Amino acid sequence: MIIIQIKLTNKQARRFILAQQSLLAPRQLEGKDGILQFIDRVGCIQFDPLDQVGRNPDLVLQSRIKDYNPDLLQNLLYQDRKLIDGWDKNMSIYSVKDWPYFKRYRLQSRQRYGDGAQPATKILAEVRAELLRSGPLSSLDFKFEQVVDWSWAPTKIARAALESMYSWGELIIHHKIGTRKVYDFAEKHLPAELFTAQDPNQSEDEYYAWYVQRRIGGVGMLWQRASDAWLGIGGLKSRERSKALAQLQQQKKITAVTVEGINCPFYIRKEEEFLLEESRKPANDAQQAVILAPLDNLMWDRKLVKALFNFEYVWEVYKPAKQRKYGYYVLPILYGDQFIARFEPLLNRNKDQLIIKNWWWESGIKLSSAMQQALVSCLKYFMKYVGALSLRVNRPREKSAENKWLDGISE
């Protein structure tokens, strides 16, 4: 039985999620502490290797962290070891403190890849010896030429071996050279109390309940519907989600809320109920504009985004060009508590120049002076983040009064 305790207007629901995602007010989080605070709240941020104007984790953080610099994230990952690359919402970045909670996934990976039937297991002893002698190492540092079937496509056996050892937790990513992973033994870099810790979730039911609560926090508010927000949780189907939600509500760890005009209930974490007060406050006149990542936590459940924000977004990067409605790498733009536009950016690194290949306004948007000022500040901030010294707006583009403001900050 679902116990509905709180009723929200659509606007209140939007503002609650944005407050939980640190997107409602001007950026308050700063530096490494701000990054750790945000990741502690949402659990993880999703990783993707494509780099048009920064990779997905950097795009997520630049929209929330004041004066964000990608070096901050790299230091937290590979020097401070406060964060770690790992499997969560697909490939992700999460707090190293969460290492014990993924022990179940690592054991499943060892059963899958380490049973002796995989060709890569034949060279494990040699790989371990070389890592002990010369590590940290990448797959290019090994001379094995054999190619084996692997998850995505045939690959060299050394890469398969390293990725297997990484998936079951024997190795971690020591650092990256571009997108190339360099591995080392996990126990050399993780605190002993974390590396050897037992799984805090002893039963499968406990594990699913923990994970469902984590994903609710990853977005801020979720419903019991299939969506990409649940990706990466092996074995979690509708039945398991329903059972976990009922258990969490009974334990008073989550709260069910309804939103006007939507029949399906939503769930928020109990400890974040205080943010509902923020959602009921009048909107600040000095609203900010921010550019969001394609795999931003806010965008994990795109049906939810459509229902609450009336914004449809599909990341078309993997679609054939002829099937794209907008473009290859198009990013949403949020102003206050509504999506107002999307644009396709490109960074010309040789000229330190940010290029706007195209810009699309959402239907019904009227450009006010406050919105224009916020957008100018937003693009200047984004230029600083990507290291661009100038902005170029490609032509031809839609000739309208709403687009003339771009001329003031372009060459």
Protein backbone atom coordinates (compact mmCIF):
# COMPACT_ATOMS: atom_id res chain seq x y z
CA MET A 1 0.00 0.00 0.00
CA ILE A 2 1.36 3.41 -1.01
CA ILE A 3 0.92 6.09 1.64
CA ILE A 4 0.73 9.56 0.05
CA GLN A 5 1.92 12.18 2.51
CA ILE A 6 2.69 15.28 0.43
CA LYS A 7 1.00 16.94 -2.54
CA LEU A 8 2.95 19.24 -4.85
CA THR A 9 2.16 21.52 -7.72
CA ASN A 10 4.11 20.91 -10.91
CA LYS A 11 6.24 23.99 -10.24
CA GLN A 12 6.98 22.88 -6.68
CA ALA A 13 8.08 19.46 -7.95
CA ARG A 14 10.42 21.06 -10.49
CA ARG A 15 11.91 23.39 -7.92
CA PHE A 16 12.39 20.55 -5.43
CA ILE A 17 14.39 18.50 -7.94
CA LEU A 18 16.46 21.50 -8.98
CA ALA A 19 17.20 22.38 -5.36
CA GLN A 20 18.24 18.78 -4.67
CA GLN A 21 20.44 18.86 -7.79
CA SER A 22 22.11 22.17 -6.80
CA LEU A 23 20.67 23.81 -9.91
CA LEU A 24 18.05 26.13 -8.44
CA ALA A 25 20.16 28.99 -7.11
CA PRO A 26 23.43 30.51 -8.38
CA ARG A 27 26.29 28.07 -7.86
CA GLN A 28 27.00 27.66 -4.15
CA LEU A 29 29.31 24.63 -4.20
CA GLU A 30 33.02 25.32 -4.54
CA GLY A 31 36.24 23.41 -5.22
CA LYS A 32 36.98 19.82 -4.26
CA ASP A 33 34.77 19.97 -1.18
CA GLY A 34 31.85 21.07 -3.34
CA ILE A 35 32.42 18.19 -5.77
CA LEU A 36 32.55 15.66 -2.92
CA GLN A 37 29.44 17.16 -1.33
CA PHE A 38 27.49 16.89 -4.57
CA ILE A 39 28.61 13.32 -5.34
CA ASP A 40 27.83 12.26 -1.78
CA ARG A 41 24.30 13.57 -2.32
CA VAL A 42 23.58 12.01 -5.72
CA GLY A 43 25.68 8.84 -5.37
CA CYS A 44 27.45 9.02 -8.70
CA ILE A 45 27.86 10.93 -11.93
CA GLN A 46 27.90 9.06 -15.21
CA PHE A 47 31.06 8.78 -17.29
CA ASP A 48 31.22 8.95 -21.08
CA PRO A 49 34.47 9.20 -23.09
CA LEU A 50 33.22 11.62 -25.78
CA ASP A 51 34.81 15.05 -25.49
CA GLN A 52 33.24 17.83 -27.54
CA VAL A 53 33.29 20.52 -24.87
CA GLY A 54 34.51 18.41 -21.99
CA ARG A 55 33.43 14.92 -20.99
CA ASN A 56 30.09 14.22 -19.35
CA PRO A 57 31.35 14.31 -15.70
CA ASP A 58 32.96 17.70 -16.30
CA LEU A 59 29.79 19.03 -17.93
CA VAL A 60 27.76 17.82 -14.94
CA LEU A 61 30.08 19.55 -12.48
CA GLN A 62 30.54 22.83 -14.35
CA SER A 63 26.79 23.44 -14.04
CA ARG A 64 26.98 23.16 -10.24
CA ILE A 65 30.49 24.01 -9.02
CA LYS A 66 31.61 27.63 -8.86
CA ASP A 67 34.72 28.24 -11.03
CA TYR A 68 34.91 24.55 -11.94
CA ASN A 69 38.16 23.27 -13.43
CA PRO A 70 38.47 19.66 -14.75
CA ASP A 71 41.79 19.32 -12.89
CA LEU A 72 39.81 19.28 -9.64
CA LEU A 73 38.05 16.07 -10.65
CA GLN A 74 41.26 14.47 -11.91
CA ASN A 75 43.00 15.21 -8.61
CA LEU A 76 40.15 13.75 -6.58
CA LEU A 77 40.27 10.59 -8.71
CA TYR A 78 43.97 9.94 -9.18
CA GLN A 79 45.85 11.85 -6.48
CA ASP A 80 43.61 12.27 -3.45
CA ARG A 81 41.78 8.97 -4.17
CA LYS A 82 38.57 10.37 -2.69
CA LEU A 83 36.66 9.33 -5.83
CA ILE A 84 36.90 6.22 -7.98
CA ASP A 85 35.96 5.05 -11.48
CA GLY A 86 33.51 2.18 -11.24
CA TRP A 87 30.30 0.54 -12.35
CA ASP A 88 27.16 2.15 -10.98
CA LYS A 89 24.85 4.03 -13.40
CA ASN A 90 26.78 2.23 -16.14
CA MET A 91 30.37 3.53 -16.01
CA SER A 92 30.43 6.20 -13.35
CA ILE A 93 32.42 8.13 -10.79
CA TYR A 94 31.49 7.69 -7.14
CA SER A 95 32.93 8.17 -3.66
CA VAL A 96 35.61 5.72 -2.62
CA LYS A 97 33.64 5.32 0.63
CA ASP A 98 31.04 3.39 -1.38
CA TRP A 99 33.51 0.66 -2.42
CA PRO A 100 32.11 -1.97 0.03
CA TYR A 101 28.55 -1.57 -1.32
CA PHE A 102 29.62 -2.85 -4.75
CA LYS A 103 31.20 -6.06 -3.49
CA ARG A 104 28.22 -8.03 -4.79
CA TYR A 105 28.84 -6.70 -8.32
CA ARG A 106 32.57 -7.53 -8.08
CA LEU A 107 31.84 -11.10 -6.96
CA GLN A 108 29.45 -11.55 -9.88
CA SER A 109 32.14 -10.27 -12.23
CA ARG A 110 34.67 -12.77 -10.89
CA GLN A 111 32.19 -15.58 -11.47
CA ARG A 112 31.60 -14.33 -15.00
CA TYR A 113 35.15 -13.56 -16.09
CA GLY A 114 37.36 -15.54 -13.75
CA ASP A 115 35.99 -19.06 -14.08
CA GLY A 116 38.83 -20.31 -16.24
CA ALA A 117 36.68 -20.60 -19.34
CA GLN A 118 37.56 -17.08 -20.52
CA PRO A 119 40.70 -16.96 -22.72
CA ALA A 120 42.03 -13.98 -20.75
CA THR A 121 42.42 -16.08 -17.60
CA LYS A 122 45.31 -17.91 -19.24
CA ILE A 123 47.59 -14.89 -18.94
CA LEU A 124 46.55 -13.61 -15.50
CA ALA A 125 49.71 -14.86 -13.77
CA GLU A 126 51.92 -13.07 -16.31
CA VAL A 127 49.87 -9.88 -16.07
CA ARG A 128 50.10 -9.89 -12.27
CA ALA A 129 53.84 -10.49 -12.38
CA GLU A 130 54.39 -7.62 -14.82
CA LEU A 131 52.25 -5.27 -12.75
CA LEU A 132 54.26 -6.16 -9.66
CA ARG A 133 57.49 -5.62 -11.54
CA SER A 134 56.67 -2.54 -13.62
CA GLY A 135 53.16 -1.23 -12.82
CA PRO A 136 51.05 0.83 -13.19
CA LEU A 137 50.43 -0.36 -16.77
CA SER A 138 47.96 -0.13 -19.63
CA SER A 139 47.12 -2.78 -22.21
CA LEU A 140 49.64 -1.22 -24.61
CA ASP A 141 52.45 -2.15 -22.22
CA PHE A 142 51.92 -5.87 -22.86
CA LYS A 143 53.15 -7.72 -25.95
CA PHE A 144 50.43 -10.37 -26.21
CA GLU A 145 49.10 -10.34 -29.77
CA GLN A 146 46.16 -12.73 -29.41
CA VAL A 147 42.73 -11.24 -30.10
CA VAL A 148 39.71 -12.60 -28.18
CA ASP A 149 35.96 -11.99 -28.19
CA TRP A 150 35.06 -9.34 -25.61
CA SER A 151 32.09 -7.36 -24.33
CA TRP A 152 31.84 -4.79 -27.11
CA ALA A 153 34.02 -6.23 -29.84
CA PRO A 154 37.07 -8.45 -30.35
CA THR A 155 40.07 -7.04 -28.48
CA LYS A 156 43.62 -7.98 -27.53
CA ILE A 157 43.87 -10.50 -24.74
CA ALA A 158 45.85 -8.14 -22.46
CA ARG A 159 43.04 -5.61 -22.49
CA ALA A 160 40.49 -8.33 -21.73
CA ALA A 161 42.61 -9.57 -18.82
CA LEU A 162 43.06 -6.09 -17.34
CA GLU A 163 39.38 -5.23 -17.69
CA SER A 164 38.43 -8.55 -16.08
CA MET A 165 40.71 -7.91 -13.10
CA TYR A 166 39.33 -4.37 -12.86
CA SER A 167 35.71 -5.55 -12.93
CA TRP A 168 36.22 -7.94 -10.00
CA GLY A 169 38.13 -5.33 -7.99
CA GLU A 170 41.68 -6.67 -8.12
CA LEU A 171 42.74 -3.59 -10.10
CA ILE A 172 41.62 0.02 -10.13
CA ILE A 173 42.27 2.73 -12.68
CA HIS A 174 45.47 4.38 -11.52
CA HIS A 175 45.13 7.20 -14.03
CA LYS A 176 44.14 7.82 -17.63
CA ILE A 177 46.04 9.03 -20.65
CA GLY A 178 43.22 10.56 -22.64
CA THR A 179 40.71 7.72 -22.54
CA ARG A 180 43.35 4.98 -22.18
CA LYS A 181 43.18 3.35 -18.76
CA VAL A 182 46.33 2.69 -16.75
CA TYR A 183 45.79 0.06 -14.03
CA ASP A 184 47.35 -0.86 -10.71
CA PHE A 185 46.49 -3.15 -7.80
CA ALA A 186 43.53 -1.80 -5.83
CA GLU A 187 44.93 -2.74 -2.43
CA LYS A 188 47.91 -0.42 -3.01
CA HIS A 189 45.67 2.64 -3.28
CA LEU A 190 42.53 1.95 -1.23
CA PRO A 191 42.46 2.18 2.57
CA ALA A 192 42.74 -1.32 4.03
CA GLU A 193 39.51 -0.93 5.99
CA LEU A 194 37.63 -0.23 2.75
CA PHE A 195 39.40 -2.77 0.56
CA THR A 196 38.63 -5.65 2.95
CA ALA A 197 35.23 -4.44 4.18
CA GLN A 198 32.25 -6.74 4.01
CA ASP A 199 29.20 -5.88 1.92
CA PRO A 200 26.92 -3.81 4.20
CA ASN A 201 23.90 -5.37 2.42
CA GLN A 202 23.80 -9.02 3.41
CA SER A 203 20.62 -9.99 1.56
CA GLU A 204 19.43 -9.32 -1.97
CA ASP A 205 16.40 -7.43 -0.64
CA GLU A 206 18.67 -5.13 1.37
CA TYR A 207 20.84 -4.59 -1.68
CA TYR A 208 17.92 -3.62 -3.92
CA ALA A 209 16.45 -1.32 -1.26
CA TRP A 210 19.82 0.41 -0.83
CA TYR A 211 20.22 0.80 -4.58
CA VAL A 212 16.67 2.09 -5.17
CA GLN A 213 17.15 4.68 -2.43
CA ARG A 214 20.50 5.64 -3.96
CA ARG A 215 18.94 6.17 -7.41
CA ILE A 216 16.11 8.26 -5.99
CA GLY A 217 18.81 10.50 -4.58
CA GLY A 218 20.65 10.40 -7.89
CA VAL A 219 17.76 12.23 -9.58
CA GLY A 220 16.04 13.79 -6.58
CA MET A 221 12.62 12.32 -7.27
CA LEU A 222 11.63 9.10 -9.06
CA TRP A 223 8.55 7.06 -9.78
CA GLN A 224 7.93 3.33 -10.17
CA ARG A 225 8.33 3.29 -13.93
CA ALA A 226 10.94 1.76 -16.21
CA SER A 227 13.57 4.30 -17.20
CA ASP A 228 17.28 4.79 -17.72
CA ALA A 229 17.48 5.99 -14.10
CA TRP A 230 17.54 2.31 -13.05
CA LEU A 231 20.28 1.23 -15.48
CA GLY A 232 23.21 -0.70 -14.07
CA ILE A 233 21.32 -2.42 -11.26
CA GLY A 234 21.55 -6.08 -12.27
CA GLY A 235 18.36 -8.05 -11.73
CA LEU A 236 16.22 -5.07 -10.72
CA LYS A 237 12.87 -5.49 -12.48
CA SER A 238 9.49 -3.92 -11.77
CA ARG A 239 8.67 -6.48 -9.07
CA GLU A 240 11.94 -5.86 -7.23
CA ARG A 241 11.51 -2.09 -7.48
CA SER A 242 8.00 -2.24 -6.04
CA LYS A 243 9.17 -4.43 -3.17
CA ALA A 244 12.12 -2.14 -2.44
CA LEU A 245 9.95 0.99 -2.52
CA ALA A 246 7.43 -0.56 -0.12
CA GLN A 247 10.26 -1.61 2.23
CA LEU A 248 11.85 1.85 2.15
CA GLN A 249 8.55 3.58 2.81
CA GLN A 250 7.81 1.24 5.72
CA GLN A 251 11.27 2.03 7.14
CA LYS A 252 10.54 5.77 6.71
CA LYS A 253 13.56 6.21 4.45
CA ILE A 254 11.52 7.61 1.55
CA THR A 255 8.35 9.66 1.25
CA ALA A 256 5.66 9.30 -1.42
CA VAL A 257 4.44 12.51 -3.03
CA THR A 258 1.89 13.34 -5.69
CA VAL A 259 2.23 16.00 -8.37
CA GLU A 260 -0.78 17.74 -9.86
CA GLY A 261 -1.89 16.28 -13.19
CA ILE A 262 0.22 13.11 -12.85
CA ASN A 263 -1.42 9.89 -11.72
CA CYS A 264 1.72 7.98 -10.74
CA PRO A 265 3.20 8.78 -7.29
CA PHE A 266 6.80 9.93 -6.89
CA TYR A 267 9.30 9.17 -4.14
CA ILE A 268 11.86 11.39 -2.43
CA ARG A 269 14.39 10.57 0.26
CA LYS A 270 13.16 11.33 3.77
CA GLU A 271 16.26 13.33 4.68
CA GLU A 272 15.60 15.69 1.78
CA GLU A 273 12.07 16.68 2.77
CA PHE A 274 13.50 19.96 4.08
CA LEU A 275 14.09 20.97 0.45
CA LEU A 276 10.33 21.05 -0.07
CA GLU A 277 10.33 24.35 1.80
CA GLU A 278 12.75 25.69 -0.80
CA SER A 279 10.39 24.57 -3.55
CA ARG A 280 7.53 26.59 -2.04
CA LYS A 281 9.45 29.87 -1.94
CA PRO A 282 8.78 32.47 -4.65
CA ALA A 283 11.25 32.28 -7.54
CA ASN A 284 14.24 34.58 -7.22
CA ASP A 285 14.16 37.32 -9.85
CA ALA A 286 17.91 36.89 -10.41
CA GLN A 287 17.58 33.44 -11.92
CA GLN A 288 20.58 31.71 -13.45
CA ALA A 289 20.98 29.95 -16.77
CA VAL A 290 23.03 26.75 -16.93
CA ILE A 291 24.13 24.33 -19.63
CA LEU A 292 23.49 20.69 -18.73
CA ALA A 293 25.37 17.54 -19.66
CA PRO A 294 23.75 15.02 -22.05
CA LEU A 295 23.86 12.36 -19.31
CA ASP A 296 23.24 14.77 -16.45
CA ASN A 297 21.63 13.26 -13.35
CA LEU A 298 18.62 15.49 -13.95
CA MET A 299 18.19 13.90 -17.40
CA TRP A 300 18.41 10.24 -16.31
CA ASP A 301 14.63 9.77 -16.54
CA ARG A 302 13.58 11.64 -19.67
CA LYS A 303 9.92 10.67 -19.35
CA LEU A 304 9.95 12.30 -15.93
CA VAL A 305 11.59 15.41 -17.43
CA LYS A 306 8.87 15.51 -20.06
CA ALA A 307 6.12 15.12 -17.43
CA LEU A 308 7.46 17.77 -15.05
CA PHE A 309 9.30 20.22 -17.33
CA ASN A 310 7.49 19.64 -20.64
CA PHE A 311 10.91 19.18 -22.25
CA GLU A 312 11.74 16.33 -24.64
CA TYR A 313 15.38 15.44 -24.97
CA VAL A 314 17.13 12.63 -26.81
CA TRP A 315 20.90 12.49 -26.98
CA GLU A 316 21.33 11.86 -30.69
CA VAL A 317 25.07 11.28 -30.75
CA TYR A 318 24.69 7.60 -31.63
CA LYS A 319 21.94 8.12 -34.21
CA PRO A 320 22.74 8.19 -37.94
CA ALA A 321 22.97 11.80 -39.10
CA LYS A 322 19.82 11.53 -41.24
CA GLN A 323 17.77 10.43 -38.25
CA ARG A 324 18.75 13.33 -35.99
CA LYS A 325 16.16 15.98 -35.23
CA TYR A 326 18.71 18.46 -33.91
CA GLY A 327 22.39 17.54 -34.05
CA TYR A 328 25.30 15.35 -33.02
CA TYR A 329 26.12 16.75 -29.57
CA VAL A 330 23.27 18.97 -28.39
CA LEU A 331 23.03 20.25 -24.80
CA PRO A 332 19.95 21.49 -22.89
CA ILE A 333 19.83 24.99 -21.40
CA LEU A 334 17.97 25.58 -18.16
CA TYR A 335 16.81 29.01 -16.98
CA GLY A 336 15.29 29.17 -13.52
CA ASP A 337 13.00 26.16 -13.35
CA GLN A 338 12.33 25.70 -17.07
CA PHE A 339 14.19 24.49 -20.13
CA ILE A 340 14.34 27.36 -22.61
CA ALA A 341 16.65 26.17 -25.38
CA ARG A 342 19.20 23.65 -26.61
CA PHE A 343 22.34 24.22 -28.63
CA GLU A 344 25.12 22.35 -30.41
CA PRO A 345 28.56 23.50 -29.25
CA LEU A 346 32.01 22.66 -30.55
CA LEU A 347 35.40 23.65 -29.22
CA ASN A 348 38.12 24.63 -31.69
CA ARG A 349 41.09 23.90 -29.48
CA ASN A 350 43.62 25.28 -31.98
CA LYS A 351 41.99 28.71 -31.85
CA ASP A 352 40.73 28.57 -28.23
CA GLN A 353 37.31 29.23 -29.67
CA LEU A 354 33.85 28.05 -28.66
CA ILE A 355 31.60 27.55 -31.68
CA ILE A 356 27.81 27.53 -31.54
CA LYS A 357 26.88 25.38 -34.52
CA ASN A 358 23.16 25.84 -33.96
CA TRP A 359 20.66 27.08 -31.42
CA TRP A 360 17.03 26.08 -30.91
CA TRP A 361 14.56 27.87 -28.65
CA GLU A 362 11.79 25.93 -26.96
CA SER A 363 8.28 26.70 -28.15
CA GLY A 364 6.71 29.74 -26.51
CA ILE A 365 9.91 31.17 -25.02
CA LYS A 366 10.04 34.97 -25.02
CA LEU A 367 13.48 36.47 -24.48
CA SER A 368 13.35 38.99 -21.64
CA SER A 369 16.19 41.29 -20.63
CA ALA A 370 16.74 39.24 -17.45
CA MET A 371 16.91 36.02 -19.47
CA GLN A 372 19.30 37.58 -21.95
CA GLN A 373 21.57 38.77 -19.16
CA ALA A 374 21.53 35.31 -17.57
CA LEU A 375 22.35 33.64 -20.91
CA VAL A 376 25.26 36.00 -21.58
CA SER A 377 26.67 35.21 -18.11
CA CYS A 378 26.07 31.51 -18.71
CA LEU A 379 27.98 31.45 -22.02
CA LYS A 380 30.84 33.52 -20.61
CA TYR A 381 31.11 31.06 -17.72
CA PHE A 382 31.01 28.15 -20.15
CA MET A 383 33.74 29.74 -22.28
CA LYS A 384 35.93 30.05 -19.19
CA TYR A 385 35.26 26.42 -18.30
CA VAL A 386 36.31 25.12 -21.76
CA GLY A 387 39.23 27.57 -22.00
CA ALA A 388 37.81 29.50 -24.95
CA LEU A 389 38.95 33.07 -25.54
CA SER A 390 36.35 33.83 -28.20
CA LEU A 391 32.91 32.75 -29.36
CA ARG A 392 31.77 32.16 -32.93
CA VAL A 393 28.17 31.69 -33.99
CA ASN A 394 27.90 29.73 -37.20
CA ARG A 395 25.79 31.12 -39.99
CA PRO A 396 23.31 30.75 -41.51
CA ARG A 397 21.15 30.54 -38.44
CA GLU A 398 17.55 31.38 -37.69
CA LYS A 399 17.09 35.13 -38.22
CA SER A 400 15.01 36.33 -35.28
CA ALA A 401 15.06 38.91 -32.52
CA GLU A 402 15.58 36.09 -30.04
CA ASN A 403 18.93 35.28 -31.63
CA LYS A 404 20.33 38.78 -32.06
CA TRP A 405 21.64 38.80 -28.48
CA LEU A 406 24.31 36.27 -29.55
CA ASP A 407 25.92 38.91 -31.74
CA GLY A 408 26.92 40.88 -28.67
CA ILE A 409 29.28 38.18 -27.39
CA SER A 410 30.50 36.66 -30.69
CA GLU A 411 33.22 37.85 -33.00
